[in-house]
Structure formats: C-alpha cells, structure tokens
Amino acid sequence: MHEMSYVIRLVNKALQAAETEGLGSVFEIHADIGKMTGVLPYYMQKYYKKAIEGTILENSRLIINEVAVKARCGSCSFEYEPDAAHDYLCPACGSGNCRIIAGREMTLTQIKGT
C-alpha cells in the first residue's frame, strides 16, 4: 500500500505550511489527489490518523478532493476524460496523440488552523 508514503509527504507539506503561516494548531487540511496515483481515499484517511499523532495536526481532518484524469488532444486540442468506450482516444477526432494534464497530482490545497 503506497498510501502511507503519500500520507507522509502530505503531512510533511502540511507541517511546513503550518510553520510558515505561524499556526499553533491545525484543524483541517485539504488535498487534491489524482485518480491516476492509484491512491485509495479510505487508506489515506486511515493512515493519516496515525501519521499526525504527536504533531500540531493531531485531531485535524483530512479532506480529499479526487481529481479525475483529464487529457488534451495534441491534434485538435480537445480536453477530455479518457475512457475505455473510446479506447482512450480523443472522442472528438479519434487521435491517440494526447497528453495527460490532470489526475496524477497530489497537492496540499488548503490548511486551516489557529
């Protein structure tokens, strides 16, 4: 389960952000996690509770926004969510010349505290 490594990175980012913002305690952090990461939100939540013990994040909530996979066609510039129904090709022009533009990220988007 690679979720633990993602949780550790996210917690470290949140701790750095809290320090930068001069927060003494944190009650909520928000993260965007792309579906291509293969990370399961259930395990992120489970491991998060353990990873924050003894830190200023203890007792905070992790809010996850799952980011869908999105591609941009290199032939016609159409943006779409690749799917098996179109053989992962561009549904507008049928080209396989695409680039993934969303769905691989894990980003700390917000931190709330005092």
C-alpha atoms as a PDB file:
ATOM      1  CA  MET A   1       0.000   0.000   0.000  1.00  0.00           C
ATOM      2  CA  HIS A   2       1.727   3.104  -1.223  1.00  0.00           C
ATOM      3  CA  GLU A   3      -0.817   5.340   0.505  1.00  0.00           C
ATOM      4  CA  MET A   4       1.455   5.576   3.549  1.00  0.00           C
ATOM      5  CA  SER A   5       4.199   7.281   1.536  1.00  0.00           C
ATOM      6  CA  TYR A   6       1.624   9.725   0.142  1.00  0.00           C
ATOM      7  CA  VAL A   7       0.303  10.425   3.643  1.00  0.00           C
ATOM      8  CA  ILE A   8       3.794  11.088   4.973  1.00  0.00           C
ATOM      9  CA  ARG A   9       4.531  13.527   2.133  1.00  0.00           C
ATOM     10  CA  LEU A  10       1.187  15.280   2.660  1.00  0.00           C
ATOM     11  CA  VAL A  11       1.696  15.549   6.431  1.00  0.00           C
ATOM     12  CA  ASN A  12       5.199  16.957   5.915  1.00  0.00           C
ATOM     13  CA  LYS A  13       3.845  19.558   3.471  1.00  0.00           C
ATOM     14  CA  ALA A  14       1.086  20.495   5.935  1.00  0.00           C
ATOM     15  CA  LEU A  15       3.569  20.826   8.804  1.00  0.00           C
ATOM     16  CA  GLN A  16       5.788  23.086   6.681  1.00  0.00           C
ATOM     17  CA  ALA A  17       2.781  25.202   5.652  1.00  0.00           C
ATOM     18  CA  ALA A  18       1.614  25.482   9.260  1.00  0.00           C
ATOM     19  CA  GLU A  19       5.071  26.614  10.346  1.00  0.00           C
ATOM     20  CA  THR A  20       5.273  29.151   7.516  1.00  0.00           C
ATOM     21  CA  GLU A  21       1.869  30.555   8.463  1.00  0.00           C
ATOM     22  CA  GLY A  22       2.677  30.576  12.190  1.00  0.00           C
ATOM     23  CA  LEU A  23      -0.133  28.199  13.159  1.00  0.00           C
ATOM     24  CA  GLY A  24      -0.089  26.598  16.597  1.00  0.00           C
ATOM     25  CA  SER A  25      -2.721  24.025  15.759  1.00  0.00           C
ATOM     26  CA  VAL A  26      -4.421  22.779  12.636  1.00  0.00           C
ATOM     27  CA  PHE A  27      -7.990  21.510  12.446  1.00  0.00           C
ATOM     28  CA  GLU A  28      -8.342  20.754   8.732  1.00  0.00           C
ATOM     29  CA  ILE A  29      -6.215  20.143   5.668  1.00  0.00           C
ATOM     30  CA  HIS A  30      -7.436  19.813   2.090  1.00  0.00           C
ATOM     31  CA  ALA A  31      -5.704  17.890  -0.657  1.00  0.00           C
ATOM     32  CA  ASP A  32      -6.288  17.229  -4.362  1.00  0.00           C
ATOM     33  CA  ILE A  33      -5.347  13.658  -5.251  1.00  0.00           C
ATOM     34  CA  GLY A  34      -5.443  12.468  -8.847  1.00  0.00           C
ATOM     35  CA  LYS A  35      -7.097   9.186  -9.695  1.00  0.00           C
ATOM     36  CA  MET A  36      -4.016   8.061 -11.654  1.00  0.00           C
ATOM     37  CA  THR A  37      -1.988   7.975  -8.440  1.00  0.00           C
ATOM     38  CA  GLY A  38      -3.809   4.781  -7.514  1.00  0.00           C
ATOM     39  CA  VAL A  39      -4.292   6.134  -4.015  1.00  0.00           C
ATOM     40  CA  LEU A  40      -7.446   4.995  -2.236  1.00  0.00           C
ATOM     41  CA  PRO A  41      -9.026   7.716  -0.071  1.00  0.00           C
ATOM     42  CA  TYR A  42     -10.078   5.141   2.558  1.00  0.00           C
ATOM     43  CA  TYR A  43      -6.448   4.232   3.241  1.00  0.00           C
ATOM     44  CA  MET A  44      -5.314   7.856   3.117  1.00  0.00           C
ATOM     45  CA  GLN A  45      -7.807   8.635   5.887  1.00  0.00           C
ATOM     46  CA  LYS A  46      -6.783   5.562   7.878  1.00  0.00           C
ATOM     47  CA  TYR A  47      -3.039   6.232   7.717  1.00  0.00           C
ATOM     48  CA  TYR A  48      -3.464   9.969   8.194  1.00  0.00           C
ATOM     49  CA  LYS A  49      -4.746   9.439  11.743  1.00  0.00           C
ATOM     50  CA  LYS A  50      -1.583   7.549  12.649  1.00  0.00           C
ATOM     51  CA  ALA A  51       0.806   9.902  10.836  1.00  0.00           C
ATOM     52  CA  ILE A  52      -0.407  13.023  12.664  1.00  0.00           C
ATOM     53  CA  GLU A  53      -0.090  11.666  16.202  1.00  0.00           C
ATOM     54  CA  GLY A  54       2.035  13.946  18.370  1.00  0.00           C
ATOM     55  CA  THR A  55       2.065  16.809  15.850  1.00  0.00           C
ATOM     56  CA  ILE A  56       0.138  20.081  15.592  1.00  0.00           C
ATOM     57  CA  LEU A  57      -2.043  18.259  13.054  1.00  0.00           C
ATOM     58  CA  GLU A  58      -3.311  15.851  15.710  1.00  0.00           C
ATOM     59  CA  ASN A  59      -7.122  15.824  15.735  1.00  0.00           C
ATOM     60  CA  SER A  60      -7.293  17.545  12.339  1.00  0.00           C
ATOM     61  CA  ARG A  61      -9.460  16.296   9.493  1.00  0.00           C
ATOM     62  CA  LEU A  62      -8.164  15.370   6.063  1.00  0.00           C
ATOM     63  CA  ILE A  63     -10.484  16.471   3.252  1.00  0.00           C
ATOM     64  CA  ILE A  64      -9.698  14.773  -0.063  1.00  0.00           C
ATOM     65  CA  ASN A  65     -10.817  16.014  -3.450  1.00  0.00           C
ATOM     66  CA  GLU A  66     -10.345  13.267  -6.039  1.00  0.00           C
ATOM     67  CA  VAL A  67      -9.161  14.730  -9.338  1.00  0.00           C
ATOM     68  CA  ALA A  68     -10.382  12.971 -12.476  1.00  0.00           C
ATOM     69  CA  VAL A  69      -7.960  12.030 -15.231  1.00  0.00           C
ATOM     70  CA  LYS A  70      -8.028  14.624 -17.988  1.00  0.00           C
ATOM     71  CA  ALA A  71      -6.223  14.615 -21.314  1.00  0.00           C
ATOM     72  CA  ARG A  72      -5.632  17.184 -24.054  1.00  0.00           C
ATOM     73  CA  CYS A  73      -5.520  16.037 -27.652  1.00  0.00           C
ATOM     74  CA  GLY A  74      -2.336  17.077 -29.440  1.00  0.00           C
ATOM     75  CA  SER A  75      -4.133  17.032 -32.773  1.00  0.00           C
ATOM     76  CA  CYS A  76      -7.286  19.075 -32.083  1.00  0.00           C
ATOM     77  CA  SER A  77      -6.663  20.458 -28.542  1.00  0.00           C
ATOM     78  CA  PHE A  78      -9.905  18.930 -27.219  1.00  0.00           C
ATOM     79  CA  GLU A  79      -9.826  18.234 -23.467  1.00  0.00           C
ATOM     80  CA  TYR A  80     -11.489  15.033 -22.298  1.00  0.00           C
ATOM     81  CA  GLU A  81     -11.584  12.277 -19.697  1.00  0.00           C
ATOM     82  CA  PRO A  82     -10.032   9.186 -21.336  1.00  0.00           C
ATOM     83  CA  ASP A  83     -12.238   6.116 -21.169  1.00  0.00           C
ATOM     84  CA  ALA A  84     -12.425   2.571 -22.467  1.00  0.00           C
ATOM     85  CA  ALA A  85     -15.547   3.353 -24.531  1.00  0.00           C
ATOM     86  CA  HIS A  86     -13.326   5.432 -26.847  1.00  0.00           C
ATOM     87  CA  ASP A  87     -10.279   3.165 -26.470  1.00  0.00           C
ATOM     88  CA  TYR A  88      -8.713   6.086 -24.550  1.00  0.00           C
ATOM     89  CA  LEU A  89      -8.509   8.023 -27.817  1.00  0.00           C
ATOM     90  CA  CYS A  90      -9.743  11.573 -28.369  1.00  0.00           C
ATOM     91  CA  PRO A  91     -13.543  11.401 -28.665  1.00  0.00           C
ATOM     92  CA  ALA A  92     -13.541  14.497 -30.903  1.00  0.00           C
ATOM     93  CA  CYS A  93     -11.095  13.400 -33.605  1.00  0.00           C
ATOM     94  CA  GLY A  94     -10.061   9.829 -32.735  1.00  0.00           C
ATOM     95  CA  SER A  95      -6.380  10.698 -32.345  1.00  0.00           C
ATOM     96  CA  GLY A  96      -4.125   8.868 -29.909  1.00  0.00           C
ATOM     97  CA  ASN A  97      -1.843  11.895 -29.713  1.00  0.00           C
ATOM     98  CA  CYS A  98      -2.795  13.074 -26.251  1.00  0.00           C
ATOM     99  CA  ARG A  99      -1.154  14.307 -23.088  1.00  0.00           C
ATOM    100  CA  ILE A 100      -2.421  13.751 -19.562  1.00  0.00           C
ATOM    101  CA  ILE A 101      -2.991  17.172 -17.982  1.00  0.00           C
ATOM    102  CA  ALA A 102      -4.692  16.200 -14.700  1.00  0.00           C
ATOM    103  CA  GLY A 103      -5.108  13.174 -12.488  1.00  0.00           C
ATOM    104  CA  ARG A 104      -1.520  12.424 -11.459  1.00  0.00           C
ATOM    105  CA  GLU A 105      -1.126  15.055  -8.760  1.00  0.00           C
ATOM    106  CA  MET A 106      -1.195  15.136  -5.008  1.00  0.00           C
ATOM    107  CA  THR A 107      -1.414  18.725  -3.855  1.00  0.00           C
ATOM    108  CA  LEU A 108      -1.978  20.304  -0.470  1.00  0.00           C
ATOM    109  CA  THR A 109      -4.570  22.922  -1.395  1.00  0.00           C
ATOM    110  CA  GLN A 110      -5.602  24.402   1.940  1.00  0.00           C
ATOM    111  CA  ILE A 111      -4.739  24.321   5.607  1.00  0.00           C
ATOM    112  CA  LYS A 112      -6.998  25.662   8.364  1.00  0.00           C
ATOM    113  CA  GLY A 113      -5.825  26.374  11.877  1.00  0.00           C
ATOM    114  CA  THR A 114      -5.090  28.921  14.537  1.00  0.00           C
END
